[in-house]
């Protein structure tokens, strides 16, 4: 299973890629496999949300799951590719399958997320 070293991970299986004051958020390969084929993604637009708050939902053939903020931030962009091709999340969860871009408003929360090694242990537990 692919768990990139340059990302941070939440216990809810979201990943965060930090780029300065901004971050990209998606779901992990583990989560995409558990969900199955993704058929629809819905995202809140232009919202400032606290850590753990729902920023949208992801619908797969088997289920619908909430998407939760890994850190507090303001949603400034959603991935338009997912509107026509939600399966991109299954095919490239850490690249083209990102879901939202945020402005991180509480950078200290990044340290509370897991690194790749800790996430690998978490999903194996």
PDB file of N, CA and C in Angstrom:
ATOM      1  N   UNK A   1       0.845  -1.172   0.000  1.00  0.00           N
ATOM      2  CA  UNK A   1       0.000   0.000   0.000  1.00  0.00           C
ATOM      3  C   UNK A   1       0.897   1.244   0.000  1.00  0.00           C
ATOM      4  N   UNK A   2       0.511   2.208  -0.784  1.00  0.00           N
ATOM      5  CA  UNK A   2       1.278   3.443  -0.923  1.00  0.00           C
ATOM      6  C   UNK A   2       0.909   4.423   0.190  1.00  0.00           C
ATOM      7  N   UNK A   3       1.918   4.840   0.985  1.00  0.00           N
ATOM      8  CA  UNK A   3       1.731   5.841   2.037  1.00  0.00           C
ATOM      9  C   UNK A   3       2.883   6.842   1.899  1.00  0.00           C
ATOM     10  N   UNK A   4       2.681   7.910   1.104  1.00  0.00           N
ATOM     11  CA  UNK A   4       3.772   8.855   0.848  1.00  0.00           C
ATOM     12  C   UNK A   4       4.332   9.491   2.128  1.00  0.00           C
ATOM     13  N   UNK A   5       5.651   9.610   2.158  1.00  0.00           N
ATOM     14  CA  UNK A   5       6.361  10.169   3.312  1.00  0.00           C
ATOM     15  C   UNK A   5       6.134  11.669   3.485  1.00  0.00           C
ATOM     16  N   UNK A   6       5.810  12.382   2.409  1.00  0.00           N
ATOM     17  CA  UNK A   6       5.727  13.847   2.472  1.00  0.00           C
ATOM     18  C   UNK A   6       4.362  14.358   2.934  1.00  0.00           C
ATOM     19  N   UNK A   7       3.468  13.452   3.339  1.00  0.00           N
ATOM     20  CA  UNK A   7       2.129  13.849   3.755  1.00  0.00           C
ATOM     21  C   UNK A   7       1.932  13.608   5.242  1.00  0.00           C
ATOM     22  N   UNK A   8       0.893  14.228   5.794  1.00  0.00           N
ATOM     23  CA  UNK A   8       0.454  13.982   7.161  1.00  0.00           C
ATOM     24  C   UNK A   8      -0.912  13.309   7.079  1.00  0.00           C
ATOM     25  N   UNK A   9      -1.258  12.524   8.090  1.00  0.00           N
ATOM     26  CA  UNK A   9      -2.453  11.700   8.039  1.00  0.00           C
ATOM     27  C   UNK A   9      -3.303  11.853   9.296  1.00  0.00           C
ATOM     28  N   UNK A  10      -4.639  11.812   9.092  1.00  0.00           N
ATOM     29  CA  UNK A  10      -5.563  11.877  10.225  1.00  0.00           C
ATOM     30  C   UNK A  10      -6.066  10.471  10.543  1.00  0.00           C
ATOM     31  N   UNK A  11      -6.648  10.322  11.721  1.00  0.00           N
ATOM     32  CA  UNK A  11      -7.234   9.035  12.103  1.00  0.00           C
ATOM     33  C   UNK A  11      -8.510   8.753  11.307  1.00  0.00           C
ATOM     34  N   UNK A  12      -9.004   9.741  10.585  1.00  0.00           N
ATOM     35  CA  UNK A  12     -10.182   9.573   9.737  1.00  0.00           C
ATOM     36  C   UNK A  12      -9.802   9.255   8.294  1.00  0.00           C
ATOM     37  N   UNK A  13      -8.513   9.010   8.044  1.00  0.00           N
ATOM     38  CA  UNK A  13      -7.981   8.581   6.749  1.00  0.00           C
ATOM     39  C   UNK A  13      -7.954   9.702   5.703  1.00  0.00           C
ATOM     40  N   UNK A  14      -7.871  10.948   6.157  1.00  0.00           N
ATOM     41  CA  UNK A  14      -7.585  12.043   5.245  1.00  0.00           C
ATOM     42  C   UNK A  14      -6.084  12.298   5.282  1.00  0.00           C
ATOM     43  N   UNK A  15      -5.550  12.781   4.166  1.00  0.00           N
ATOM     44  CA  UNK A  15      -4.143  13.194   4.131  1.00  0.00           C
ATOM     45  C   UNK A  15      -4.072  14.700   3.919  1.00  0.00           C
ATOM     46  N   UNK A  16      -2.944  15.274   4.321  1.00  0.00           N
ATOM     47  CA  UNK A  16      -2.699  16.708   4.165  1.00  0.00           C
ATOM     48  C   UNK A  16      -1.305  16.894   3.589  1.00  0.00           C
ATOM     49  N   UNK A  17      -1.232  17.628   2.478  1.00  0.00           N
ATOM     50  CA  UNK A  17       0.062  18.019   1.906  1.00  0.00           C
ATOM     51  C   UNK A  17       0.197  19.516   2.141  1.00  0.00           C
ATOM     52  N   UNK A  18       1.189  19.912   2.921  1.00  0.00           N
ATOM     53  CA  UNK A  18       1.387  21.309   3.293  1.00  0.00           C
ATOM     54  C   UNK A  18       2.293  21.984   2.281  1.00  0.00           C
ATOM     55  N   UNK A  19       1.840  23.144   1.781  1.00  0.00           N
ATOM     56  CA  UNK A  19       2.628  23.978   0.872  1.00  0.00           C
ATOM     57  C   UNK A  19       2.541  25.412   1.377  1.00  0.00           C
ATOM     58  N   UNK A  20       3.474  25.772   2.273  1.00  0.00           N
ATOM     59  CA  UNK A  20       3.449  27.099   2.883  1.00  0.00           C
ATOM     60  C   UNK A  20       2.238  27.244   3.787  1.00  0.00           C
ATOM     61  N   UNK A  21       1.446  28.306   3.572  1.00  0.00           N
ATOM     62  CA  UNK A  21       0.252  28.509   4.398  1.00  0.00           C
ATOM     63  C   UNK A  21      -0.954  27.731   3.867  1.00  0.00           C
ATOM     64  N   UNK A  22      -0.761  27.017   2.769  1.00  0.00           N
ATOM     65  CA  UNK A  22      -1.844  26.277   2.144  1.00  0.00           C
ATOM     66  C   UNK A  22      -1.662  24.770   2.344  1.00  0.00           C
ATOM     67  N   UNK A  23      -2.730  24.048   2.131  1.00  0.00           N
ATOM     68  CA  UNK A  23      -2.671  22.605   2.204  1.00  0.00           C
ATOM     69  C   UNK A  23      -3.647  21.989   1.223  1.00  0.00           C
ATOM     70  N   UNK A  24      -3.298  20.814   0.741  1.00  0.00           N
ATOM     71  CA  UNK A  24      -4.192  20.023  -0.098  1.00  0.00           C
ATOM     72  C   UNK A  24      -4.651  18.841   0.732  1.00  0.00           C
ATOM     73  N   UNK A  25      -5.931  18.496   0.615  1.00  0.00           N
ATOM     74  CA  UNK A  25      -6.518  17.429   1.417  1.00  0.00           C
ATOM     75  C   UNK A  25      -7.162  16.404   0.492  1.00  0.00           C
ATOM     76  N   UNK A  26      -6.965  15.140   0.811  1.00  0.00           N
ATOM     77  CA  UNK A  26      -7.607  14.054   0.086  1.00  0.00           C
ATOM     78  C   UNK A  26      -7.819  12.888   1.035  1.00  0.00           C
ATOM     79  N   UNK A  27      -8.240  11.763   0.475  1.00  0.00           N
ATOM     80  CA  UNK A  27      -8.358  10.557   1.292  1.00  0.00           C
ATOM     81  C   UNK A  27      -7.241   9.596   0.903  1.00  0.00           C
ATOM     82  N   UNK A  28      -6.878   8.748   1.843  1.00  0.00           N
ATOM     83  CA  UNK A  28      -5.760   7.834   1.632  1.00  0.00           C
ATOM     84  C   UNK A  28      -6.133   6.684   0.701  1.00  0.00           C
ATOM     85  N   UNK A  29      -5.117   6.035   0.185  1.00  0.00           N
ATOM     86  CA  UNK A  29      -5.328   4.850  -0.643  1.00  0.00           C
ATOM     87  C   UNK A  29      -6.095   3.787   0.143  1.00  0.00           C
ATOM     88  N   UNK A  30      -5.760   3.651   1.418  1.00  0.00           N
ATOM     89  CA  UNK A  30      -6.471   2.707   2.285  1.00  0.00           C
ATOM     90  C   UNK A  30      -7.969   3.026   2.297  1.00  0.00           C
ATOM     91  N   UNK A  31      -8.322   4.298   2.503  1.00  0.00           N
ATOM     92  CA  UNK A  31      -9.726   4.703   2.543  1.00  0.00           C
ATOM     93  C   UNK A  31     -10.410   4.472   1.202  1.00  0.00           C
ATOM     94  N   UNK A  32      -9.724   4.783   0.106  1.00  0.00           N
ATOM     95  CA  UNK A  32     -10.340   4.606  -1.208  1.00  0.00           C
ATOM     96  C   UNK A  32     -10.592   3.124  -1.497  1.00  0.00           C
ATOM     97  N   UNK A  33      -9.702   2.266  -1.030  1.00  0.00           N
ATOM     98  CA  UNK A  33      -9.914   0.826  -1.214  1.00  0.00           C
ATOM     99  C   UNK A  33     -11.089   0.335  -0.369  1.00  0.00           C
ATOM    100  N   UNK A  34     -11.167   0.838   0.861  1.00  0.00           N
ATOM    101  CA  UNK A  34     -12.261   0.451   1.746  1.00  0.00           C
ATOM    102  C   UNK A  34     -13.610   0.904   1.195  1.00  0.00           C
ATOM    103  N   UNK A  35     -13.646   2.098   0.617  1.00  0.00           N
ATOM    104  CA  UNK A  35     -14.895   2.628   0.062  1.00  0.00           C
ATOM    105  C   UNK A  35     -15.327   1.879  -1.195  1.00  0.00           C
ATOM    106  N   UNK A  36     -14.380   1.510  -2.010  1.00  0.00           N
ATOM    107  CA  UNK A  36     -14.690   0.926  -3.305  1.00  0.00           C
ATOM    108  C   UNK A  36     -14.745   2.016  -4.364  1.00  0.00           C
ATOM    109  N   UNK A  37     -15.430   1.759  -5.450  1.00  0.00           N
ATOM    110  CA  UNK A  37     -15.466   2.692  -6.577  1.00  0.00           C
ATOM    111  C   UNK A  37     -16.197   3.978  -6.204  1.00  0.00           C
ATOM    112  N   UNK A  38     -15.459   5.102  -6.230  1.00  0.00           N
ATOM    113  CA  UNK A  38     -16.041   6.401  -5.908  1.00  0.00           C
ATOM    114  C   UNK A  38     -16.865   6.880  -7.106  1.00  0.00           C
ATOM    115  N   UNK A  39     -18.112   7.297  -6.829  1.00  0.00           N
ATOM    116  CA  UNK A  39     -19.001   7.729  -7.905  1.00  0.00           C
ATOM    117  C   UNK A  39     -19.410   9.198  -7.797  1.00  0.00           C
ATOM    118  N   UNK A  40     -19.206   9.819  -6.622  1.00  0.00           N
ATOM    119  CA  UNK A  40     -19.612  11.213  -6.458  1.00  0.00           C
ATOM    120  C   UNK A  40     -18.891  11.818  -5.260  1.00  0.00           C
ATOM    121  N   UNK A  41     -18.481  13.093  -5.400  1.00  0.00           N
ATOM    122  CA  UNK A  41     -17.851  13.832  -4.311  1.00  0.00           C
ATOM    123  C   UNK A  41     -18.575  15.165  -4.172  1.00  0.00           C
ATOM    124  N   UNK A  42     -18.963  15.499  -2.946  1.00  0.00           N
ATOM    125  CA  UNK A  42     -19.601  16.782  -2.665  1.00  0.00           C
ATOM    126  C   UNK A  42     -18.755  17.525  -1.645  1.00  0.00           C
ATOM    127  N   UNK A  43     -18.502  18.813  -1.912  1.00  0.00           N
ATOM    128  CA  UNK A  43     -17.630  19.613  -1.058  1.00  0.00           C
ATOM    129  C   UNK A  43     -18.306  20.929  -0.720  1.00  0.00           C
ATOM    130  N   UNK A  44     -18.132  21.347   0.555  1.00  0.00           N
ATOM    131  CA  UNK A  44     -18.588  22.675   0.973  1.00  0.00           C
ATOM    132  C   UNK A  44     -17.681  23.701   0.300  1.00  0.00           C
ATOM    133  N   UNK A  45     -18.248  24.783  -0.154  1.00  0.00           N
ATOM    134  CA  UNK A  45     -17.452  25.822  -0.819  1.00  0.00           C
ATOM    135  C   UNK A  45     -17.250  27.023   0.098  1.00  0.00           C
ATOM    136  N   UNK A  46     -16.075  27.639   0.016  1.00  0.00           N
ATOM    137  CA  UNK A  46     -15.770  28.888   0.716  1.00  0.00           C
ATOM    138  C   UNK A  46     -16.183  28.862   2.182  1.00  0.00           C
ATOM    139  N   UNK A  47     -15.793  27.834   2.866  1.00  0.00           N
ATOM    140  CA  UNK A  47     -16.128  27.673   4.272  1.00  0.00           C
ATOM    141  C   UNK A  47     -14.846  27.670   5.094  1.00  0.00           C
ATOM    142  N   UNK A  48     -14.916  28.260   6.285  1.00  0.00           N
ATOM    143  CA  UNK A  48     -13.849  28.087   7.267  1.00  0.00           C
ATOM    144  C   UNK A  48     -14.346  27.076   8.271  1.00  0.00           C
ATOM    145  N   UNK A  49     -13.605  25.992   8.422  1.00  0.00           N
ATOM    146  CA  UNK A  49     -14.041  24.890   9.256  1.00  0.00           C
ATOM    147  C   UNK A  49     -12.964  24.521  10.263  1.00  0.00           C
ATOM    148  N   UNK A  50     -13.404  24.066  11.429  1.00  0.00           N
ATOM    149  CA  UNK A  50     -12.494  23.616  12.470  1.00  0.00           C
ATOM    150  C   UNK A  50     -12.045  22.187  12.206  1.00  0.00           C
ATOM    151  N   UNK A  51     -10.956  21.821  12.830  1.00  0.00           N
ATOM    152  CA  UNK A  51     -10.459  20.454  12.752  1.00  0.00           C
ATOM    153  C   UNK A  51     -11.591  19.495  13.130  1.00  0.00           C
ATOM    154  N   UNK A  52     -11.745  18.430  12.337  1.00  0.00           N
ATOM    155  CA  UNK A  52     -12.757  17.424  12.617  1.00  0.00           C
ATOM    156  C   UNK A  52     -14.140  17.722  12.068  1.00  0.00           C
ATOM    157  N   UNK A  53     -14.373  18.945  11.558  1.00  0.00           N
ATOM    158  CA  UNK A  53     -15.680  19.264  10.997  1.00  0.00           C
ATOM    159  C   UNK A  53     -15.810  18.690   9.588  1.00  0.00           C
ATOM    160  N   UNK A  54     -17.030  18.413   9.191  1.00  0.00           N
ATOM    161  CA  UNK A  54     -17.314  17.844   7.880  1.00  0.00           C
ATOM    162  C   UNK A  54     -17.161  18.896   6.792  1.00  0.00           C
ATOM    163  N   UNK A  55     -16.340  18.597   5.778  1.00  0.00           N
ATOM    164  CA  UNK A  55     -16.191  19.524   4.653  1.00  0.00           C
ATOM    165  C   UNK A  55     -16.876  19.013   3.395  1.00  0.00           C
ATOM    166  N   UNK A  56     -17.470  17.838   3.472  1.00  0.00           N
ATOM    167  CA  UNK A  56     -18.167  17.289   2.328  1.00  0.00           C
ATOM    168  C   UNK A  56     -18.443  15.819   2.541  1.00  0.00           C
ATOM    169  N   UNK A  57     -18.794  15.160   1.449  1.00  0.00           N
ATOM    170  CA  UNK A  57     -19.044  13.724   1.525  1.00  0.00           C
ATOM    171  C   UNK A  57     -18.543  13.065   0.244  1.00  0.00           C
ATOM    172  N   UNK A  58     -18.299  11.780   0.377  1.00  0.00           N
ATOM    173  CA  UNK A  58     -17.822  10.997  -0.754  1.00  0.00           C
ATOM    174  C   UNK A  58     -18.738   9.780  -0.874  1.00  0.00           C
ATOM    175  N   UNK A  59     -19.232   9.570  -2.073  1.00  0.00           N
ATOM    176  CA  UNK A  59     -20.165   8.475  -2.303  1.00  0.00           C
ATOM    177  C   UNK A  59     -19.487   7.425  -3.165  1.00  0.00           C
ATOM    178  N   UNK A  60     -19.559   6.205  -2.688  1.00  0.00           N
ATOM    179  CA  UNK A  60     -19.040   5.068  -3.444  1.00  0.00           C
ATOM    180  C   UNK A  60     -20.205   4.122  -3.720  1.00  0.00           C
ATOM    181  N   UNK A  61     -19.949   3.096  -4.500  1.00  0.00           N
ATOM    182  CA  UNK A  61     -20.992   2.136  -4.830  1.00  0.00           C
ATOM    183  C   UNK A  61     -21.575   1.531  -3.544  1.00  0.00           C
ATOM    184  N   UNK A  62     -20.710   1.289  -2.553  1.00  0.00           N
ATOM    185  CA  UNK A  62     -21.129   0.609  -1.331  1.00  0.00           C
ATOM    186  C   UNK A  62     -21.686   1.530  -0.249  1.00  0.00           C
ATOM    187  N   UNK A  63     -21.247   2.797  -0.192  1.00  0.00           N
ATOM    188  CA  UNK A  63     -21.545   3.617   0.973  1.00  0.00           C
ATOM    189  C   UNK A  63     -21.341   5.102   0.692  1.00  0.00           C
ATOM    190  N   UNK A  64     -21.752   5.922   1.658  1.00  0.00           N
ATOM    191  CA  UNK A  64     -21.465   7.358   1.651  1.00  0.00           C
ATOM    192  C   UNK A  64     -20.723   7.666   2.940  1.00  0.00           C
ATOM    193  N   UNK A  65     -19.630   8.432   2.853  1.00  0.00           N
ATOM    194  CA  UNK A  65     -18.839   8.784   4.028  1.00  0.00           C
ATOM    195  C   UNK A  65     -18.622  10.282   4.081  1.00  0.00           C
ATOM    196  N   UNK A  66     -18.603  10.808   5.309  1.00  0.00           N
ATOM    197  CA  UNK A  66     -18.259  12.215   5.500  1.00  0.00           C
ATOM    198  C   UNK A  66     -16.770  12.411   5.300  1.00  0.00           C
ATOM    199  N   UNK A  67     -16.417  13.598   4.816  1.00  0.00           N
ATOM    200  CA  UNK A  67     -15.021  14.019   4.704  1.00  0.00           C
ATOM    201  C   UNK A  67     -14.767  15.007   5.838  1.00  0.00           C
ATOM    202  N   UNK A  68     -13.710  14.792   6.611  1.00  0.00           N
ATOM    203  CA  UNK A  68     -13.456  15.597   7.800  1.00  0.00           C
ATOM    204  C   UNK A  68     -12.152  16.376   7.679  1.00  0.00           C
ATOM    205  N   UNK A  69     -12.187  17.623   8.150  1.00  0.00           N
ATOM    206  CA  UNK A  69     -11.001  18.487   8.096  1.00  0.00           C
ATOM    207  C   UNK A  69      -9.885  17.927   8.977  1.00  0.00           C
ATOM    208  N   UNK A  70      -8.684  17.748   8.426  1.00  0.00           N
ATOM    209  CA  UNK A  70      -7.565  17.277   9.245  1.00  0.00           C
ATOM    210  C   UNK A  70      -6.973  18.384  10.117  1.00  0.00           C
ATOM    211  N   UNK A  71      -7.148  19.643   9.707  1.00  0.00           N
ATOM    212  CA  UNK A  71      -6.724  20.830  10.456  1.00  0.00           C
ATOM    213  C   UNK A  71      -7.745  21.940  10.208  1.00  0.00           C
ATOM    214  N   UNK A  72      -7.730  22.950  11.058  1.00  0.00           N
ATOM    215  CA  UNK A  72      -8.611  24.094  10.869  1.00  0.00           C
ATOM    216  C   UNK A  72      -8.144  24.902   9.664  1.00  0.00           C
ATOM    217  N   UNK A  73      -9.087  25.283   8.813  1.00  0.00           N
ATOM    218  CA  UNK A  73      -8.709  26.050   7.638  1.00  0.00           C
ATOM    219  C   UNK A  73      -9.910  26.527   6.852  1.00  0.00           C
ATOM    220  N   UNK A  74      -9.606  27.354   5.872  1.00  0.00           N
ATOM    221  CA  UNK A  74     -10.623  27.897   4.976  1.00  0.00           C
ATOM    222  C   UNK A  74     -10.499  27.208   3.628  1.00  0.00           C
ATOM    223  N   UNK A  75     -11.592  26.639   3.153  1.00  0.00           N
ATOM    224  CA  UNK A  75     -11.592  26.005   1.840  1.00  0.00           C
ATOM    225  C   UNK A  75     -11.525  27.101   0.782  1.00  0.00           C
ATOM    226  N   UNK A  76     -10.498  27.047  -0.061  1.00  0.00           N
ATOM    227  CA  UNK A  76     -10.365  28.074  -1.092  1.00  0.00           C
ATOM    228  C   UNK A  76     -10.534  27.508  -2.502  1.00  0.00           C
ATOM    229  N   UNK A  77     -10.501  26.177  -2.609  1.00  0.00           N
ATOM    230  CA  UNK A  77     -10.661  25.567  -3.931  1.00  0.00           C
ATOM    231  C   UNK A  77     -11.046  24.107  -3.763  1.00  0.00           C
ATOM    232  N   UNK A  78     -11.873  23.617  -4.675  1.00  0.00           N
ATOM    233  CA  UNK A  78     -12.132  22.180  -4.734  1.00  0.00           C
ATOM    234  C   UNK A  78     -11.650  21.671  -6.091  1.00  0.00           C
ATOM    235  N   UNK A  79     -11.345  20.410  -6.137  1.00  0.00           N
ATOM    236  CA  UNK A  79     -10.784  19.805  -7.347  1.00  0.00           C
ATOM    237  C   UNK A  79     -11.895  19.569  -8.370  1.00  0.00           C
ATOM    238  N   UNK A  80     -11.935  20.389  -9.410  1.00  0.00           N
ATOM    239  CA  UNK A  80     -12.978  20.300 -10.419  1.00  0.00           C
ATOM    240  C   UNK A  80     -12.902  19.020 -11.246  1.00  0.00           C
ATOM    241  N   UNK A  81     -11.738  18.392 -11.290  1.00  0.00           N
ATOM    242  CA  UNK A  81     -11.586  17.126 -12.015  1.00  0.00           C
ATOM    243  C   UNK A  81     -12.566  16.087 -11.471  1.00  0.00           C
ATOM    244  N   UNK A  82     -12.826  16.152 -10.153  1.00  0.00           N
ATOM    245  CA  UNK A  82     -13.657  15.142  -9.516  1.00  0.00           C
ATOM    246  C   UNK A  82     -15.133  15.250  -9.897  1.00  0.00           C
ATOM    247  N   UNK A  83     -15.547  16.420 -10.407  1.00  0.00           N
ATOM    248  CA  UNK A  83     -16.943  16.583 -10.815  1.00  0.00           C
ATOM    249  C   UNK A  83     -17.291  15.623 -11.941  1.00  0.00           C
ATOM    250  N   UNK A  84     -16.420  15.498 -12.916  1.00  0.00           N
ATOM    251  CA  UNK A  84     -16.658  14.612 -14.055  1.00  0.00           C
ATOM    252  C   UNK A  84     -15.992  13.248 -13.906  1.00  0.00           C
ATOM    253  N   UNK A  85     -14.967  13.175 -13.063  1.00  0.00           N
ATOM    254  CA  UNK A  85     -14.202  11.927 -12.929  1.00  0.00           C
ATOM    255  C   UNK A  85     -13.910  11.614 -11.460  1.00  0.00           C
ATOM    256  N   UNK A  86     -14.947  11.316 -10.659  1.00  0.00           N
ATOM    257  CA  UNK A  86     -14.708  11.041  -9.235  1.00  0.00           C
ATOM    258  C   UNK A  86     -13.827   9.824  -9.006  1.00  0.00           C
ATOM    259  N   UNK A  87     -13.769   8.925  -9.988  1.00  0.00           N
ATOM    260  CA  UNK A  87     -12.936   7.725  -9.853  1.00  0.00           C
ATOM    261  C   UNK A  87     -11.447   8.062  -9.790  1.00  0.00           C
ATOM    262  N   UNK A  88     -11.086   9.313 -10.080  1.00  0.00           N
ATOM    263  CA  UNK A  88      -9.694   9.762  -9.954  1.00  0.00           C
ATOM    264  C   UNK A  88      -9.186   9.524  -8.535  1.00  0.00           C
ATOM    265  N   UNK A  89     -10.084   9.599  -7.558  1.00  0.00           N
ATOM    266  CA  UNK A  89      -9.698   9.342  -6.160  1.00  0.00           C
ATOM    267  C   UNK A  89      -9.199   7.912  -6.015  1.00  0.00           C
ATOM    268  N   UNK A  90      -9.835   6.956  -6.678  1.00  0.00           N
ATOM    269  CA  UNK A  90      -9.374   5.561  -6.617  1.00  0.00           C
ATOM    270  C   UNK A  90      -8.085   5.354  -7.392  1.00  0.00           C
ATOM    271  N   UNK A  91      -7.956   6.028  -8.540  1.00  0.00           N
ATOM    272  CA  UNK A  91      -6.811   5.820  -9.425  1.00  0.00           C
ATOM    273  C   UNK A  91      -5.554   6.559  -8.993  1.00  0.00           C
ATOM    274  N   UNK A  92      -5.704   7.717  -8.349  1.00  0.00           N
ATOM    275  CA  UNK A  92      -4.551   8.555  -7.986  1.00  0.00           C
ATOM    276  C   UNK A  92      -4.871   9.359  -6.725  1.00  0.00           C
ATOM    277  N   UNK A  93      -5.057   8.673  -5.575  1.00  0.00           N
ATOM    278  CA  UNK A  93      -5.534   9.367  -4.377  1.00  0.00           C
ATOM    279  C   UNK A  93      -4.601  10.458  -3.852  1.00  0.00           C
ATOM    280  N   UNK A  94      -3.301  10.328  -4.115  1.00  0.00           N
ATOM    281  CA  UNK A  94      -2.343  11.305  -3.573  1.00  0.00           C
ATOM    282  C   UNK A  94      -1.911  12.358  -4.586  1.00  0.00           C
ATOM    283  N   UNK A  95      -2.380  12.246  -5.800  1.00  0.00           N
ATOM    284  CA  UNK A  95      -2.000  13.187  -6.846  1.00  0.00           C
ATOM    285  C   UNK A  95      -3.207  13.933  -7.362  1.00  0.00           C
ATOM    286  N   UNK A  96      -3.663  13.544  -8.560  1.00  0.00           N
ATOM    287  CA  UNK A  96      -4.811  14.211  -9.188  1.00  0.00           C
ATOM    288  C   UNK A  96      -6.106  14.026  -8.404  1.00  0.00           C
ATOM    289  N   UNK A  97      -6.122  13.102  -7.449  1.00  0.00           N
ATOM    290  CA  UNK A  97      -7.325  12.831  -6.660  1.00  0.00           C
ATOM    291  C   UNK A  97      -7.479  13.671  -5.409  1.00  0.00           C
ATOM    292  N   UNK A  98      -6.687  14.760  -5.277  1.00  0.00           N
ATOM    293  CA  UNK A  98      -6.888  15.645  -4.120  1.00  0.00           C
ATOM    294  C   UNK A  98      -8.316  16.192  -4.171  1.00  0.00           C
ATOM    295  N   UNK A  99      -8.848  16.556  -3.005  1.00  0.00           N
ATOM    296  CA  UNK A  99     -10.254  16.963  -2.943  1.00  0.00           C
ATOM    297  C   UNK A  99     -10.408  18.468  -2.742  1.00  0.00           C
ATOM    298  N   UNK A 100      -9.687  19.028  -1.754  1.00  0.00           N
ATOM    299  CA  UNK A 100      -9.786  20.473  -1.513  1.00  0.00           C
ATOM    300  C   UNK A 100      -8.409  21.083  -1.276  1.00  0.00           C
ATOM    301  N   UNK A 101      -8.328  22.390  -1.551  1.00  0.00           N
ATOM    302  CA  UNK A 101      -7.168  23.199  -1.182  1.00  0.00           C
ATOM    303  C   UNK A 101      -7.658  24.140  -0.089  1.00  0.00           C
ATOM    304  N   UNK A 102      -6.878  24.249   0.983  1.00  0.00           N
ATOM    305  CA  UNK A 102      -7.271  25.088   2.111  1.00  0.00           C
ATOM    306  C   UNK A 102      -6.170  26.082   2.459  1.00  0.00           C
ATOM    307  N   UNK A 103      -6.580  27.163   3.112  1.00  0.00           N
ATOM    308  CA  UNK A 103      -5.643  28.066   3.774  1.00  0.00           C
ATOM    309  C   UNK A 103      -5.625  27.604   5.233  1.00  0.00           C
ATOM    310  N   UNK A 104      -4.489  27.124   5.694  1.00  0.00           N
ATOM    311  CA  UNK A 104      -4.357  26.590   7.051  1.00  0.00           C
ATOM    312  C   UNK A 104      -4.352  27.753   8.043  1.00  0.00           C
ATOM    313  N   UNK A 105      -5.310  27.754   8.968  1.00  0.00           N
ATOM    314  CA  UNK A 105      -5.408  28.868   9.913  1.00  0.00           C
ATOM    315  C   UNK A 105      -4.853  28.535  11.295  1.00  0.00           C
ATOM    316  N   UNK A 106      -4.540  27.273  11.550  1.00  0.00           N
ATOM    317  CA  UNK A 106      -3.925  26.890  12.818  1.00  0.00           C
ATOM    318  C   UNK A 106      -2.806  25.881  12.537  1.00  0.00           C
ATOM    319  N   UNK A 107      -1.637  26.390  12.106  1.00  0.00           N
ATOM    320  CA  UNK A 107      -0.545  25.495  11.694  1.00  0.00           C
ATOM    321  C   UNK A 107      -0.055  24.553  12.792  1.00  0.00           C
ATOM    322  N   UNK A 108      -0.265  24.902  14.063  1.00  0.00           N
ATOM    323  CA  UNK A 108       0.201  24.026  15.143  1.00  0.00           C
ATOM    324  C   UNK A 108      -0.500  22.666  15.112  1.00  0.00           C
ATOM    325  N   UNK A 109      -1.682  22.596  14.493  1.00  0.00           N
ATOM    326  CA  UNK A 109      -2.412  21.328  14.416  1.00  0.00           C
ATOM    327  C   UNK A 109      -1.740  20.323  13.484  1.00  0.00           C
ATOM    328  N   UNK A 110      -0.901  20.792  12.593  1.00  0.00           N
ATOM    329  CA  UNK A 110      -0.213  19.886  11.670  1.00  0.00           C
ATOM    330  C   UNK A 110       0.613  18.869  12.457  1.00  0.00           C
ATOM    331  N   UNK A 111       1.220  19.316  13.559  1.00  0.00           N
ATOM    332  CA  UNK A 111       2.055  18.435  14.374  1.00  0.00           C
ATOM    333  C   UNK A 111       1.256  17.336  15.064  1.00  0.00           C
ATOM    334  N   UNK A 112      -0.063  17.503  15.158  1.00  0.00           N
ATOM    335  CA  UNK A 112      -0.910  16.496  15.794  1.00  0.00           C
ATOM    336  C   UNK A 112      -1.256  15.348  14.849  1.00  0.00           C
ATOM    337  N   UNK A 113      -1.004  15.539  13.548  1.00  0.00           N
ATOM    338  CA  UNK A 113      -1.300  14.499  12.568  1.00  0.00           C
ATOM    339  C   UNK A 113      -0.186  13.453  12.534  1.00  0.00           C
ATOM    340  N   UNK A 114      -0.496  12.289  12.003  1.00  0.00           N
ATOM    341  CA  UNK A 114       0.476  11.205  11.925  1.00  0.00           C
ATOM    342  C   UNK A 114       1.389  11.357  10.718  1.00  0.00           C
ATOM    343  N   UNK A 115       2.643  10.909  10.878  1.00  0.00           N
ATOM    344  CA  UNK A 115       3.513  10.802   9.716  1.00  0.00           C
ATOM    345  C   UNK A 115       3.228   9.447   9.048  1.00  0.00           C
ATOM    346  N   UNK A 116       3.913   9.162   7.953  1.00  0.00           N
ATOM    347  CA  UNK A 116       3.647   7.947   7.185  1.00  0.00           C
ATOM    348  C   UNK A 116       3.831   6.680   8.024  1.00  0.00           C
ATOM    349  N   UNK A 117       4.887   6.619   8.823  1.00  0.00           N
ATOM    350  CA  UNK A 117       5.151   5.424   9.628  1.00  0.00           C
ATOM    351  C   UNK A 117       4.041   5.212  10.661  1.00  0.00           C
ATOM    352  N   UNK A 118       3.619   6.279  11.320  1.00  0.00           N
ATOM    353  CA  UNK A 118       2.552   6.172  12.321  1.00  0.00           C
ATOM    354  C   UNK A 118       1.231   5.775  11.669  1.00  0.00           C
ATOM    355  N   UNK A 119       0.964   6.317  10.477  1.00  0.00           N
ATOM    356  CA  UNK A 119      -0.280   5.953   9.787  1.00  0.00           C
ATOM    357  C   UNK A 119      -0.260   4.475   9.371  1.00  0.00           C
ATOM    358  N   UNK A 120       0.877   4.004   8.899  1.00  0.00           N
ATOM    359  CA  UNK A 120       1.008   2.599   8.515  1.00  0.00           C
ATOM    360  C   UNK A 120       0.709   1.697   9.712  1.00  0.00           C
ATOM    361  N   UNK A 121       1.226   2.049  10.882  1.00  0.00           N
ATOM    362  CA  UNK A 121       0.933   1.285  12.093  1.00  0.00           C
ATOM    363  C   UNK A 121      -0.542   1.362  12.445  1.00  0.00           C
ATOM    364  N   UNK A 122      -1.134   2.559  12.281  1.00  0.00           N
ATOM    365  CA  UNK A 122      -2.531   2.787  12.608  1.00  0.00           C
ATOM    366  C   UNK A 122      -3.452   1.878  11.790  1.00  0.00           C
ATOM    367  N   UNK A 123      -3.214   1.774  10.484  1.00  0.00           N
ATOM    368  CA  UNK A 123      -4.112   0.972   9.644  1.00  0.00           C
ATOM    369  C   UNK A 123      -3.865  -0.526   9.792  1.00  0.00           C
ATOM    370  N   UNK A 124      -2.704  -0.896  10.338  1.00  0.00           N
ATOM    371  CA  UNK A 124      -2.414  -2.308  10.556  1.00  0.00           C
ATOM    372  C   UNK A 124      -2.944  -2.786  11.904  1.00  0.00           C
ATOM    373  N   UNK A 125      -3.278  -1.848  12.772  1.00  0.00           N
ATOM    374  CA  UNK A 125      -3.725  -2.212  14.137  1.00  0.00           C
ATOM    375  C   UNK A 125      -5.117  -2.805  14.122  1.00  0.00           C
TER     376      UNK A 125
END
